[in-house]
Amino acid sequence: MKARVAILIACLVLGAVPAFAHHSVSMYDMAHPTTVVGVVTKVEWTNPHAYLDIDVKNAKGEIEHWAIEIDSPNFLKHNGWTSTTVKPGDTITCTGGRAKSGALTMRCTTVKLATGEELRS
């Protein structure tokens, strides 16, 4: 009987390991929000996170290609998103934590659409 309980506990613990595989946002500077405005070039509606590629005009007028990480499609749906809320060609404003490395990537927490609507991401 004790062996069965031990095996059951081991199976439950090992079965829960994938739940801990989710990565953190530690690579992003969430304490100092950054805002970028750009034109969407690509939307990836995938798990565990959706991604937006946007072209942003920098202070010199040059185009920078930013990779924007947003939440999972399931979370986004609960916050009013659909897979077509943001489409290539749309101008959006993203606010969130920029990569600490300085790379042109961010973990976006809010997206403002051209209509003025703000969505949590």
PDB file of N, CA and C in Angstrom:
ATOM      1  N   MET A   1       0.821  -1.192   0.000  1.00  0.00           N
ATOM      2  CA  MET A   1       0.000   0.000   0.000  1.00  0.00           C
ATOM      3  C   MET A   1       0.870   1.263   0.000  1.00  0.00           C
ATOM      4  N   LYS A   2       1.920   1.269   0.829  1.00  0.00           N
ATOM      5  CA  LYS A   2       2.801   2.435   0.891  1.00  0.00           C
ATOM      6  C   LYS A   2       3.497   2.671  -0.446  1.00  0.00           C
ATOM      7  N   ALA A   3       3.842   1.578  -1.126  1.00  0.00           N
ATOM      8  CA  ALA A   3       4.505   1.703  -2.425  1.00  0.00           C
ATOM      9  C   ALA A   3       3.571   2.352  -3.441  1.00  0.00           C
ATOM     10  N   ARG A   4       2.294   1.982  -3.416  1.00  0.00           N
ATOM     11  CA  ARG A   4       1.318   2.569  -4.345  1.00  0.00           C
ATOM     12  C   ARG A   4       1.155   4.071  -4.090  1.00  0.00           C
ATOM     13  N   VAL A   5       1.090   4.439  -2.841  1.00  0.00           N
ATOM     14  CA  VAL A   5       0.957   5.853  -2.490  1.00  0.00           C
ATOM     15  C   VAL A   5       2.193   6.620  -2.947  1.00  0.00           C
ATOM     16  N   ALA A   6       3.370   6.033  -2.725  1.00  0.00           N
ATOM     17  CA  ALA A   6       4.616   6.681  -3.136  1.00  0.00           C
ATOM     18  C   ALA A   6       4.663   6.853  -4.653  1.00  0.00           C
ATOM     19  N   ILE A   7       4.237   5.840  -5.384  1.00  0.00           N
ATOM     20  CA  ILE A   7       4.221   5.911  -6.847  1.00  0.00           C
ATOM     21  C   ILE A   7       3.217   6.967  -7.309  1.00  0.00           C
ATOM     22  N   LEU A   8       2.061   6.999  -6.680  1.00  0.00           N
ATOM     23  CA  LEU A   8       1.042   7.989  -7.027  1.00  0.00           C
ATOM     24  C   LEU A   8       1.555   9.411  -6.794  1.00  0.00           C
ATOM     25  N   ILE A   9       2.182   9.628  -5.668  1.00  0.00           N
ATOM     26  CA  ILE A   9       2.735  10.954  -5.357  1.00  0.00           C
ATOM     27  C   ILE A   9       3.820  11.332  -6.363  1.00  0.00           C
ATOM     28  N   ALA A  10       4.691  10.383  -6.681  1.00  0.00           N
ATOM     29  CA  ALA A  10       5.755  10.644  -7.654  1.00  0.00           C
ATOM     30  C   ALA A  10       5.170  11.016  -9.015  1.00  0.00           C
ATOM     31  N   CYS A  11       4.128  10.311  -9.432  1.00  0.00           N
ATOM     32  CA  CYS A  11       3.489  10.611 -10.719  1.00  0.00           C
ATOM     33  C   CYS A  11       2.857  11.999 -10.718  1.00  0.00           C
ATOM     34  N   LEU A  12       2.214  12.361  -9.625  1.00  0.00           N
ATOM     35  CA  LEU A  12       1.598  13.682  -9.528  1.00  0.00           C
ATOM     36  C   LEU A  12       2.646  14.792  -9.571  1.00  0.00           C
ATOM     37  N   VAL A  13       3.739  14.593  -8.858  1.00  0.00           N
ATOM     38  CA  VAL A  13       4.808  15.594  -8.834  1.00  0.00           C
ATOM     39  C   VAL A  13       5.445  15.722 -10.212  1.00  0.00           C
ATOM     40  N   LEU A  14       5.773  14.599 -10.832  1.00  0.00           N
ATOM     41  CA  LEU A  14       6.402  14.641 -12.156  1.00  0.00           C
ATOM     42  C   LEU A  14       5.449  15.192 -13.211  1.00  0.00           C
ATOM     43  N   GLY A  15       4.173  14.914 -13.062  1.00  0.00           N
ATOM     44  CA  GLY A  15       3.181  15.426 -14.006  1.00  0.00           C
ATOM     45  C   GLY A  15       3.028  16.932 -13.930  1.00  0.00           C
ATOM     46  N   ALA A  16       3.380  17.513 -12.800  1.00  0.00           N
ATOM     47  CA  ALA A  16       3.243  18.960 -12.623  1.00  0.00           C
ATOM     48  C   ALA A  16       4.460  19.736 -13.116  1.00  0.00           C
ATOM     49  N   VAL A  17       5.546  19.055 -13.422  1.00  0.00           N
ATOM     50  CA  VAL A  17       6.781  19.726 -13.838  1.00  0.00           C
ATOM     51  C   VAL A  17       6.579  20.658 -15.036  1.00  0.00           C
ATOM     52  N   PRO A  18       5.835  20.274 -16.082  1.00  0.00           N
ATOM     53  CA  PRO A  18       5.662  21.204 -17.206  1.00  0.00           C
ATOM     54  C   PRO A  18       5.037  22.540 -16.810  1.00  0.00           C
ATOM     55  N   ALA A  19       4.269  22.561 -15.758  1.00  0.00           N
ATOM     56  CA  ALA A  19       3.655  23.816 -15.317  1.00  0.00           C
ATOM     57  C   ALA A  19       4.707  24.818 -14.854  1.00  0.00           C
ATOM     58  N   PHE A  20       5.865  24.334 -14.452  1.00  0.00           N
ATOM     59  CA  PHE A  20       6.929  25.217 -13.990  1.00  0.00           C
ATOM     60  C   PHE A  20       7.860  25.648 -15.123  1.00  0.00           C
ATOM     61  N   ALA A  21       7.609  25.183 -16.330  1.00  0.00           N
ATOM     62  CA  ALA A  21       8.492  25.468 -17.462  1.00  0.00           C
ATOM     63  C   ALA A  21       8.271  26.856 -18.049  1.00  0.00           C
ATOM     64  N   HIS A  22       7.209  27.524 -17.686  1.00  0.00           N
ATOM     65  CA  HIS A  22       6.915  28.849 -18.223  1.00  0.00           C
ATOM     66  C   HIS A  22       8.020  29.831 -17.842  1.00  0.00           C
ATOM     67  N   HIS A  23       8.497  30.590 -18.809  1.00  0.00           N
ATOM     68  CA  HIS A  23       9.601  31.510 -18.534  1.00  0.00           C
ATOM     69  C   HIS A  23       9.103  32.785 -17.866  1.00  0.00           C
ATOM     70  N   SER A  24      10.011  33.462 -17.215  1.00  0.00           N
ATOM     71  CA  SER A  24       9.658  34.706 -16.525  1.00  0.00           C
ATOM     72  C   SER A  24       9.883  35.890 -17.458  1.00  0.00           C
ATOM     73  N   VAL A  25       9.569  37.061 -16.952  1.00  0.00           N
ATOM     74  CA  VAL A  25       9.797  38.288 -17.721  1.00  0.00           C
ATOM     75  C   VAL A  25      11.062  38.993 -17.242  1.00  0.00           C
ATOM     76  N   SER A  26      11.947  38.264 -16.582  1.00  0.00           N
ATOM     77  CA  SER A  26      13.143  38.870 -15.986  1.00  0.00           C
ATOM     78  C   SER A  26      14.088  39.489 -17.017  1.00  0.00           C
ATOM     79  N   MET A  27      13.978  39.096 -18.277  1.00  0.00           N
ATOM     80  CA  MET A  27      14.847  39.683 -19.299  1.00  0.00           C
ATOM     81  C   MET A  27      14.371  41.064 -19.735  1.00  0.00           C
ATOM     82  N   TYR A  28      13.178  41.456 -19.255  1.00  0.00           N
ATOM     83  CA  TYR A  28      12.605  42.754 -19.604  1.00  0.00           C
ATOM     84  C   TYR A  28      12.639  43.698 -18.409  1.00  0.00           C
ATOM     85  N   ASP A  29      12.803  44.977 -18.674  1.00  0.00           N
ATOM     86  CA  ASP A  29      12.812  45.991 -17.621  1.00  0.00           C
ATOM     87  C   ASP A  29      11.381  46.479 -17.400  1.00  0.00           C
ATOM     88  N   MET A  30      10.628  45.710 -16.619  1.00  0.00           N
ATOM     89  CA  MET A  30       9.222  46.023 -16.382  1.00  0.00           C
ATOM     90  C   MET A  30       9.052  47.206 -15.425  1.00  0.00           C
ATOM     91  N   ALA A  31      10.104  47.560 -14.687  1.00  0.00           N
ATOM     92  CA  ALA A  31      10.027  48.670 -13.724  1.00  0.00           C
ATOM     93  C   ALA A  31      10.068  50.036 -14.414  1.00  0.00           C
ATOM     94  N   HIS A  32      10.541  50.067 -15.652  1.00  0.00           N
ATOM     95  CA  HIS A  32      10.654  51.327 -16.398  1.00  0.00           C
ATOM     96  C   HIS A  32       9.966  51.157 -17.756  1.00  0.00           C
ATOM     97  N   PRO A  33       8.653  51.365 -17.801  1.00  0.00           N
ATOM     98  CA  PRO A  33       7.907  51.138 -19.046  1.00  0.00           C
ATOM     99  C   PRO A  33       8.412  51.988 -20.212  1.00  0.00           C
ATOM    100  N   THR A  34       8.381  51.376 -21.375  1.00  0.00           N
ATOM    101  CA  THR A  34       8.746  52.018 -22.632  1.00  0.00           C
ATOM    102  C   THR A  34       7.516  52.004 -23.525  1.00  0.00           C
ATOM    103  N   THR A  35       7.341  53.037 -24.317  1.00  0.00           N
ATOM    104  CA  THR A  35       6.225  53.087 -25.267  1.00  0.00           C
ATOM    105  C   THR A  35       6.784  53.268 -26.670  1.00  0.00           C
ATOM    106  N   VAL A  36       6.298  52.450 -27.594  1.00  0.00           N
ATOM    107  CA  VAL A  36       6.681  52.570 -29.001  1.00  0.00           C
ATOM    108  C   VAL A  36       5.411  52.600 -29.848  1.00  0.00           C
ATOM    109  N   VAL A  37       5.478  53.346 -30.936  1.00  0.00           N
ATOM    110  CA  VAL A  37       4.374  53.422 -31.891  1.00  0.00           C
ATOM    111  C   VAL A  37       4.907  52.897 -33.207  1.00  0.00           C
ATOM    112  N   GLY A  38       4.176  51.961 -33.808  1.00  0.00           N
ATOM    113  CA  GLY A  38       4.658  51.408 -35.059  1.00  0.00           C
ATOM    114  C   GLY A  38       3.570  50.741 -35.873  1.00  0.00           C
ATOM    115  N   VAL A  39       3.971  50.280 -37.040  1.00  0.00           N
ATOM    116  CA  VAL A  39       3.071  49.605 -37.966  1.00  0.00           C
ATOM    117  C   VAL A  39       3.320  48.103 -37.871  1.00  0.00           C
ATOM    118  N   VAL A  40       2.258  47.354 -37.662  1.00  0.00           N
ATOM    119  CA  VAL A  40       2.351  45.899 -37.536  1.00  0.00           C
ATOM    120  C   VAL A  40       2.765  45.303 -38.878  1.00  0.00           C
ATOM    121  N   THR A  41       3.786  44.436 -38.844  1.00  0.00           N
ATOM    122  CA  THR A  41       4.220  43.743 -40.059  1.00  0.00           C
ATOM    123  C   THR A  41       3.909  42.253 -40.003  1.00  0.00           C
ATOM    124  N   LYS A  42       3.744  41.729 -38.777  1.00  0.00           N
ATOM    125  CA  LYS A  42       3.480  40.293 -38.632  1.00  0.00           C
ATOM    126  C   LYS A  42       2.784  40.042 -37.297  1.00  0.00           C
ATOM    127  N   VAL A  43       1.843  39.089 -37.304  1.00  0.00           N
ATOM    128  CA  VAL A  43       1.157  38.658 -36.085  1.00  0.00           C
ATOM    129  C   VAL A  43       1.315  37.150 -35.971  1.00  0.00           C
ATOM    130  N   GLU A  44       1.802  36.688 -34.819  1.00  0.00           N
ATOM    131  CA  GLU A  44       1.910  35.247 -34.555  1.00  0.00           C
ATOM    132  C   GLU A  44       1.001  34.925 -33.378  1.00  0.00           C
ATOM    133  N   TRP A  45      -0.153  34.337 -33.649  1.00  0.00           N
ATOM    134  CA  TRP A  45      -1.161  33.994 -32.642  1.00  0.00           C
ATOM    135  C   TRP A  45      -0.848  32.578 -32.172  1.00  0.00           C
ATOM    136  N   THR A  46       0.173  32.435 -31.320  1.00  0.00           N
ATOM    137  CA  THR A  46       0.667  31.120 -30.916  1.00  0.00           C
ATOM    138  C   THR A  46       0.798  31.026 -29.400  1.00  0.00           C
ATOM    139  N   ASN A  47       0.866  29.808 -28.909  1.00  0.00           N
ATOM    140  CA  ASN A  47       1.140  29.554 -27.493  1.00  0.00           C
ATOM    141  C   ASN A  47       2.622  29.271 -27.330  1.00  0.00           C
ATOM    142  N   PRO A  48       3.231  29.577 -26.214  1.00  0.00           N
ATOM    143  CA  PRO A  48       2.604  30.080 -24.997  1.00  0.00           C
ATOM    144  C   PRO A  48       2.388  31.587 -25.022  1.00  0.00           C
ATOM    145  N   HIS A  49       2.966  32.301 -25.996  1.00  0.00           N
ATOM    146  CA  HIS A  49       2.766  33.746 -26.120  1.00  0.00           C
ATOM    147  C   HIS A  49       2.545  34.091 -27.578  1.00  0.00           C
ATOM    148  N   ALA A  50       1.726  35.105 -27.798  1.00  0.00           N
ATOM    149  CA  ALA A  50       1.572  35.646 -29.142  1.00  0.00           C
ATOM    150  C   ALA A  50       2.658  36.710 -29.340  1.00  0.00           C
ATOM    151  N   TYR A  51       2.986  36.974 -30.592  1.00  0.00           N
ATOM    152  CA  TYR A  51       4.034  37.946 -30.911  1.00  0.00           C
ATOM    153  C   TYR A  51       3.561  38.878 -32.011  1.00  0.00           C
ATOM    154  N   LEU A  52       4.007  40.114 -31.923  1.00  0.00           N
ATOM    155  CA  LEU A  52       3.752  41.112 -32.952  1.00  0.00           C
ATOM    156  C   LEU A  52       5.098  41.650 -33.419  1.00  0.00           C
ATOM    157  N   ASP A  53       5.290  41.738 -34.709  1.00  0.00           N
ATOM    158  CA  ASP A  53       6.461  42.428 -35.256  1.00  0.00           C
ATOM    159  C   ASP A  53       5.958  43.778 -35.731  1.00  0.00           C
ATOM    160  N   ILE A  54       6.639  44.847 -35.310  1.00  0.00           N
ATOM    161  CA  ILE A  54       6.225  46.183 -35.738  1.00  0.00           C
ATOM    162  C   ILE A  54       7.434  46.988 -36.206  1.00  0.00           C
ATOM    163  N   ASP A  55       7.182  47.860 -37.159  1.00  0.00           N
ATOM    164  CA  ASP A  55       8.203  48.787 -37.641  1.00  0.00           C
ATOM    165  C   ASP A  55       7.985  50.122 -36.948  1.00  0.00           C
ATOM    166  N   VAL A  56       9.021  50.589 -36.264  1.00  0.00           N
ATOM    167  CA  VAL A  56       8.966  51.817 -35.471  1.00  0.00           C
ATOM    168  C   VAL A  56       9.959  52.817 -36.048  1.00  0.00           C
ATOM    169  N   LYS A  57       9.521  54.059 -36.241  1.00  0.00           N
ATOM    170  CA  LYS A  57      10.422  55.108 -36.722  1.00  0.00           C
ATOM    171  C   LYS A  57      11.147  55.692 -35.510  1.00  0.00           C
ATOM    172  N   ASN A  58      12.490  55.637 -35.528  1.00  0.00           N
ATOM    173  CA  ASN A  58      13.268  56.163 -34.398  1.00  0.00           C
ATOM    174  C   ASN A  58      13.451  57.679 -34.523  1.00  0.00           C
ATOM    175  N   ALA A  59      14.181  58.268 -33.580  1.00  0.00           N
ATOM    176  CA  ALA A  59      14.382  59.725 -33.539  1.00  0.00           C
ATOM    177  C   ALA A  59      15.094  60.257 -34.782  1.00  0.00           C
ATOM    178  N   LYS A  60      15.881  59.396 -35.449  1.00  0.00           N
ATOM    179  CA  LYS A  60      16.593  59.809 -36.662  1.00  0.00           C
ATOM    180  C   LYS A  60      15.743  59.630 -37.918  1.00  0.00           C
ATOM    181  N   GLY A  61      14.516  59.101 -37.740  1.00  0.00           N
ATOM    182  CA  GLY A  61      13.647  58.860 -38.883  1.00  0.00           C
ATOM    183  C   GLY A  61      13.873  57.513 -39.538  1.00  0.00           C
ATOM    184  N   GLU A  62      14.747  56.709 -38.949  1.00  0.00           N
ATOM    185  CA  GLU A  62      15.042  55.378 -39.489  1.00  0.00           C
ATOM    186  C   GLU A  62      14.026  54.372 -38.949  1.00  0.00           C
ATOM    187  N   ILE A  63      13.751  53.350 -39.745  1.00  0.00           N
ATOM    188  CA  ILE A  63      12.815  52.302 -39.336  1.00  0.00           C
ATOM    189  C   ILE A  63      13.558  51.229 -38.549  1.00  0.00           C
ATOM    190  N   GLU A  64      13.022  50.926 -37.368  1.00  0.00           N
ATOM    191  CA  GLU A  64      13.549  49.844 -36.528  1.00  0.00           C
ATOM    192  C   GLU A  64      12.503  48.735 -36.481  1.00  0.00           C
ATOM    193  N   HIS A  65      12.969  47.501 -36.537  1.00  0.00           N
ATOM    194  CA  HIS A  65      12.072  46.341 -36.505  1.00  0.00           C
ATOM    195  C   HIS A  65      12.025  45.805 -35.076  1.00  0.00           C
ATOM    196  N   TRP A  66      10.886  45.952 -34.418  1.00  0.00           N
ATOM    197  CA  TRP A  66      10.703  45.526 -33.032  1.00  0.00           C
ATOM    198  C   TRP A  66       9.930  44.215 -32.977  1.00  0.00           C
ATOM    199  N   ALA A  67      10.324  43.351 -32.038  1.00  0.00           N
ATOM    200  CA  ALA A  67       9.600  42.110 -31.736  1.00  0.00           C
ATOM    201  C   ALA A  67       8.878  42.340 -30.412  1.00  0.00           C
ATOM    202  N   ILE A  68       7.564  42.220 -30.433  1.00  0.00           N
ATOM    203  CA  ILE A  68       6.738  42.504 -29.269  1.00  0.00           C
ATOM    204  C   ILE A  68       6.117  41.204 -28.764  1.00  0.00           C
ATOM    205  N   GLU A  69       6.418  40.847 -27.527  1.00  0.00           N
ATOM    206  CA  GLU A  69       5.817  39.662 -26.908  1.00  0.00           C
ATOM    207  C   GLU A  69       4.576  40.096 -26.137  1.00  0.00           C
ATOM    208  N   ILE A  70       3.461  39.403 -26.378  1.00  0.00           N
ATOM    209  CA  ILE A  70       2.242  39.655 -25.616  1.00  0.00           C
ATOM    210  C   ILE A  70       1.813  38.337 -24.973  1.00  0.00           C
ATOM    211  N   ASP A  71       0.674  38.328 -24.305  1.00  0.00           N
ATOM    212  CA  ASP A  71       0.268  37.140 -23.563  1.00  0.00           C
ATOM    213  C   ASP A  71      -0.208  36.012 -24.470  1.00  0.00           C
ATOM    214  N   SER A  72      -0.665  34.937 -23.844  1.00  0.00           N
ATOM    215  CA  SER A  72      -1.166  33.778 -24.580  1.00  0.00           C
ATOM    216  C   SER A  72      -2.494  34.121 -25.246  1.00  0.00           C
ATOM    217  N   PRO A  73      -2.812  33.463 -26.356  1.00  0.00           N
ATOM    218  CA  PRO A  73      -4.102  33.705 -27.000  1.00  0.00           C
ATOM    219  C   PRO A  73      -5.289  33.528 -26.044  1.00  0.00           C
ATOM    220  N   ASN A  74      -5.228  32.551 -25.158  1.00  0.00           N
ATOM    221  CA  ASN A  74      -6.322  32.334 -24.211  1.00  0.00           C
ATOM    222  C   ASN A  74      -6.505  33.548 -23.302  1.00  0.00           C
ATOM    223  N   PHE A  75      -5.399  34.063 -22.756  1.00  0.00           N
ATOM    224  CA  PHE A  75      -5.457  35.251 -21.900  1.00  0.00           C
ATOM    225  C   PHE A  75      -5.953  36.450 -22.699  1.00  0.00           C
ATOM    226  N   LEU A  76      -5.449  36.596 -23.914  1.00  0.00           N
ATOM    227  CA  LEU A  76      -5.849  37.725 -24.753  1.00  0.00           C
ATOM    228  C   LEU A  76      -7.350  37.693 -25.046  1.00  0.00           C
ATOM    229  N   LYS A  77      -7.884  36.505 -25.331  1.00  0.00           N
ATOM    230  CA  LYS A  77      -9.324  36.374 -25.600  1.00  0.00           C
ATOM    231  C   LYS A  77     -10.144  36.845 -24.406  1.00  0.00           C
ATOM    232  N   HIS A  78      -9.686  36.527 -23.195  1.00  0.00           N
ATOM    233  CA  HIS A  78     -10.390  36.962 -21.982  1.00  0.00           C
ATOM    234  C   HIS A  78     -10.332  38.476 -21.808  1.00  0.00           C
ATOM    235  N   ASN A  79      -9.422  39.123 -22.519  1.00  0.00           N
ATOM    236  CA  ASN A  79      -9.278  40.577 -22.426  1.00  0.00           C
ATOM    237  C   ASN A  79      -9.781  41.296 -23.677  1.00  0.00           C
ATOM    238  N   GLY A  80     -10.628  40.605 -24.437  1.00  0.00           N
ATOM    239  CA  GLY A  80     -11.283  41.250 -25.571  1.00  0.00           C
ATOM    240  C   GLY A  80     -10.616  41.115 -26.921  1.00  0.00           C
ATOM    241  N   TRP A  81      -9.525  40.370 -26.999  1.00  0.00           N
ATOM    242  CA  TRP A  81      -8.815  40.185 -28.257  1.00  0.00           C
ATOM    243  C   TRP A  81      -9.438  39.048 -29.073  1.00  0.00           C
ATOM    244  N   THR A  82      -9.210  39.101 -30.381  1.00  0.00           N
ATOM    245  CA  THR A  82      -9.410  37.954 -31.263  1.00  0.00           C
ATOM    246  C   THR A  82      -8.122  37.838 -32.083  1.00  0.00           C
ATOM    247  N   SER A  83      -8.041  36.795 -32.875  1.00  0.00           N
ATOM    248  CA  SER A  83      -6.826  36.614 -33.686  1.00  0.00           C
ATOM    249  C   SER A  83      -6.688  37.695 -34.757  1.00  0.00           C
ATOM    250  N   THR A  84      -7.747  38.475 -34.985  1.00  0.00           N
ATOM    251  CA  THR A  84      -7.690  39.531 -36.005  1.00  0.00           C
ATOM    252  C   THR A  84      -7.824  40.940 -35.415  1.00  0.00           C
ATOM    253  N   THR A  85      -7.705  41.071 -34.098  1.00  0.00           N
ATOM    254  CA  THR A  85      -7.778  42.396 -33.478  1.00  0.00           C
ATOM    255  C   THR A  85      -6.690  43.307 -34.032  1.00  0.00           C
ATOM    256  N   VAL A  86      -5.502  42.757 -34.194  1.00  0.00           N
ATOM    257  CA  VAL A  86      -4.366  43.498 -34.750  1.00  0.00           C
ATOM    258  C   VAL A  86      -3.937  42.775 -36.020  1.00  0.00           C
ATOM    259  N   LYS A  87      -3.811  43.529 -37.102  1.00  0.00           N
ATOM    260  CA  LYS A  87      -3.460  42.942 -38.386  1.00  0.00           C
ATOM    261  C   LYS A  87      -2.276  43.688 -39.006  1.00  0.00           C
ATOM    262  N   PRO A  88      -1.534  43.027 -39.887  1.00  0.00           N
ATOM    263  CA  PRO A  88      -0.467  43.734 -40.592  1.00  0.00           C
ATOM    264  C   PRO A  88      -1.026  44.993 -41.263  1.00  0.00           C
ATOM    265  N   GLY A  89      -0.282  46.081 -41.119  1.00  0.00           N
ATOM    266  CA  GLY A  89      -0.703  47.367 -41.662  1.00  0.00           C
ATOM    267  C   GLY A  89      -1.317  48.291 -40.619  1.00  0.00           C
ATOM    268  N   ASP A  90      -1.761  47.720 -39.477  1.00  0.00           N
ATOM    269  CA  ASP A  90      -2.336  48.535 -38.403  1.00  0.00           C
ATOM    270  C   ASP A  90      -1.240  49.312 -37.678  1.00  0.00           C
ATOM    271  N   THR A  91      -1.544  50.541 -37.303  1.00  0.00           N
ATOM    272  CA  THR A  91      -0.645  51.323 -36.453  1.00  0.00           C
ATOM    273  C   THR A  91      -1.102  51.137 -35.013  1.00  0.00           C
ATOM    274  N   ILE A  92      -0.170  50.736 -34.143  1.00  0.00           N
ATOM    275  CA  ILE A  92      -0.491  50.491 -32.740  1.00  0.00           C
ATOM    276  C   ILE A  92       0.546  51.163 -31.840  1.00  0.00           C
ATOM    277  N   THR A  93       0.156  51.346 -30.592  1.00  0.00           N
ATOM    278  CA  THR A  93       1.058  51.863 -29.565  1.00  0.00           C
ATOM    279  C   THR A  93       1.211  50.777 -28.516  1.00  0.00           C
ATOM    280  N   CYS A  94       2.442  50.356 -28.265  1.00  0.00           N
ATOM    281  CA  CYS A  94       2.719  49.310 -27.279  1.00  0.00           C
ATOM    282  C   CYS A  94       3.468  49.911 -26.098  1.00  0.00           C
ATOM    283  N   THR A  95       3.026  49.561 -24.901  1.00  0.00           N
ATOM    284  CA  THR A  95       3.711  49.989 -23.685  1.00  0.00           C
ATOM    285  C   THR A  95       4.055  48.756 -22.876  1.00  0.00           C
ATOM    286  N   GLY A  96       5.289  48.697 -22.403  1.00  0.00           N
ATOM    287  CA  GLY A  96       5.730  47.552 -21.611  1.00  0.00           C
ATOM    288  C   GLY A  96       7.206  47.654 -21.286  1.00  0.00           C
ATOM    289  N   GLY A  97       7.778  46.527 -20.908  1.00  0.00           N
ATOM    290  CA  GLY A  97       9.180  46.487 -20.528  1.00  0.00           C
ATOM    291  C   GLY A  97      10.077  46.134 -21.700  1.00  0.00           C
ATOM    292  N   ARG A  98      11.037  47.002 -21.975  1.00  0.00           N
ATOM    293  CA  ARG A  98      12.001  46.743 -23.043  1.00  0.00           C
ATOM    294  C   ARG A  98      13.036  45.736 -22.556  1.00  0.00           C
ATOM    295  N   ALA A  99      13.634  45.018 -23.483  1.00  0.00           N
ATOM    296  CA  ALA A  99      14.685  44.059 -23.148  1.00  0.00           C
ATOM    297  C   ALA A  99      15.828  44.772 -22.440  1.00  0.00           C
ATOM    298  N   LYS A 100      16.286  44.199 -21.328  1.00  0.00           N
ATOM    299  CA  LYS A 100      17.400  44.785 -20.574  1.00  0.00           C
ATOM    300  C   LYS A 100      18.675  44.822 -21.406  1.00  0.00           C
ATOM    301  N   SER A 101      18.774  43.923 -22.381  1.00  0.00           N
ATOM    302  CA  SER A 101      19.965  43.861 -23.231  1.00  0.00           C
ATOM    303  C   SER A 101      20.041  45.031 -24.207  1.00  0.00           C
ATOM    304  N   GLY A 102      18.936  45.754 -24.356  1.00  0.00           N
ATOM    305  CA  GLY A 102      18.898  46.842 -25.327  1.00  0.00           C
ATOM    306  C   GLY A 102      18.372  46.412 -26.684  1.00  0.00           C
ATOM    307  N   ALA A 103      18.101  45.121 -26.834  1.00  0.00           N
ATOM    308  CA  ALA A 103      17.556  44.615 -28.094  1.00  0.00           C
ATOM    309  C   ALA A 103      16.204  45.268 -28.371  1.00  0.00           C
ATOM    310  N   LEU A 104      15.832  45.301 -29.621  1.00  0.00           N
ATOM    311  CA  LEU A 104      14.564  45.912 -30.021  1.00  0.00           C
ATOM    312  C   LEU A 104      13.422  44.919 -29.812  1.00  0.00           C
ATOM    313  N   THR A 105      13.205  44.584 -28.567  1.00  0.00           N
ATOM    314  CA  THR A 105      12.130  43.676 -28.188  1.00  0.00           C
ATOM    315  C   THR A 105      11.553  44.138 -26.862  1.00  0.00           C
ATOM    316  N   MET A 106      10.285  43.835 -26.652  1.00  0.00           N
ATOM    317  CA  MET A 106       9.646  44.227 -25.400  1.00  0.00           C
ATOM    318  C   MET A 106       8.559  43.236 -25.028  1.00  0.00           C
ATOM    319  N   ARG A 107       8.256  43.212 -23.747  1.00  0.00           N
ATOM    320  CA  ARG A 107       7.111  42.470 -23.208  1.00  0.00           C
ATOM    321  C   ARG A 107       6.033  43.519 -23.007  1.00  0.00           C
ATOM    322  N   CYS A 108       5.090  43.550 -23.924  1.00  0.00           N
ATOM    323  CA  CYS A 108       4.063  44.584 -23.950  1.00  0.00           C
ATOM    324  C   CYS A 108       2.940  44.256 -22.965  1.00  0.00           C
ATOM    325  N   THR A 109       2.521  45.247 -22.192  1.00  0.00           N
ATOM    326  CA  THR A 109       1.433  45.053 -21.232  1.00  0.00           C
ATOM    327  C   THR A 109       0.131  45.703 -21.684  1.00  0.00           C
ATOM    328  N   THR A 110       0.213  46.730 -22.520  1.00  0.00           N
ATOM    329  CA  THR A 110      -0.993  47.331 -23.104  1.00  0.00           C
ATOM    330  C   THR A 110      -0.738  47.698 -24.561  1.00  0.00           C
ATOM    331  N   VAL A 111      -1.770  47.514 -25.349  1.00  0.00           N
ATOM    332  CA  VAL A 111      -1.730  47.887 -26.760  1.00  0.00           C
ATOM    333  C   VAL A 111      -2.859  48.880 -26.996  1.00  0.00           C
ATOM    334  N   LYS A 112      -2.509  50.009 -27.589  1.00  0.00           N
ATOM    335  CA  LYS A 112      -3.518  51.007 -27.948  1.00  0.00           C
ATOM    336  C   LYS A 112      -3.693  50.947 -29.457  1.00  0.00           C
ATOM    337  N   LEU A 113      -4.928  50.724 -29.880  1.00  0.00           N
ATOM    338  CA  LEU A 113      -5.238  50.646 -31.299  1.00  0.00           C
ATOM    339  C   LEU A 113      -5.394  52.046 -31.881  1.00  0.00           C
ATOM    340  N   ALA A 114      -5.393  52.150 -33.205  1.00  0.00           N
ATOM    341  CA  ALA A 114      -5.556  53.443 -33.872  1.00  0.00           C
ATOM    342  C   ALA A 114      -6.904  54.076 -33.533  1.00  0.00           C
ATOM    343  N   THR A 115      -7.881  53.257 -33.144  1.00  0.00           N
ATOM    344  CA  THR A 115      -9.211  53.759 -32.766  1.00  0.00           C
ATOM    345  C   THR A 115      -9.202  54.415 -31.393  1.00  0.00           C
ATOM    346  N   GLY A 116      -8.091  54.247 -30.657  1.00  0.00           N
ATOM    347  CA  GLY A 116      -8.000  54.766 -29.295  1.00  0.00           C
ATOM    348  C   GLY A 116      -8.302  53.716 -28.238  1.00  0.00           C
ATOM    349  N   GLU A 117      -8.828  52.575 -28.673  1.00  0.00           N
ATOM    350  CA  GLU A 117      -9.133  51.492 -27.729  1.00  0.00           C
ATOM    351  C   GLU A 117      -7.841  50.920 -27.159  1.00  0.00           C
ATOM    352  N   GLU A 118      -7.802  50.740 -25.832  1.00  0.00           N
ATOM    353  CA  GLU A 118      -6.645  50.137 -25.177  1.00  0.00           C
ATOM    354  C   GLU A 118      -7.000  48.740 -24.714  1.00  0.00           C
ATOM    355  N   LEU A 119      -6.120  47.798 -25.017  1.00  0.00           N
ATOM    356  CA  LEU A 119      -6.320  46.411 -24.627  1.00  0.00           C
ATOM    357  C   LEU A 119      -5.165  45.943 -23.768  1.00  0.00           C
ATOM    358  N   ARG A 120      -5.481  45.217 -22.726  1.00  0.00           N
ATOM    359  CA  ARG A 120      -4.443  44.618 -21.887  1.00  0.00           C
ATOM    360  C   ARG A 120      -3.827  43.462 -22.655  1.00  0.00           C
ATOM    361  N   SER A 121      -2.521  43.363 -22.566  1.00  0.00           N
ATOM    362  CA  SER A 121      -1.851  42.291 -23.292  1.00  0.00           C
ATOM    363  C   SER A 121      -0.887  41.563 -22.397  1.00  0.00           C
TER     364      SER A 121
END
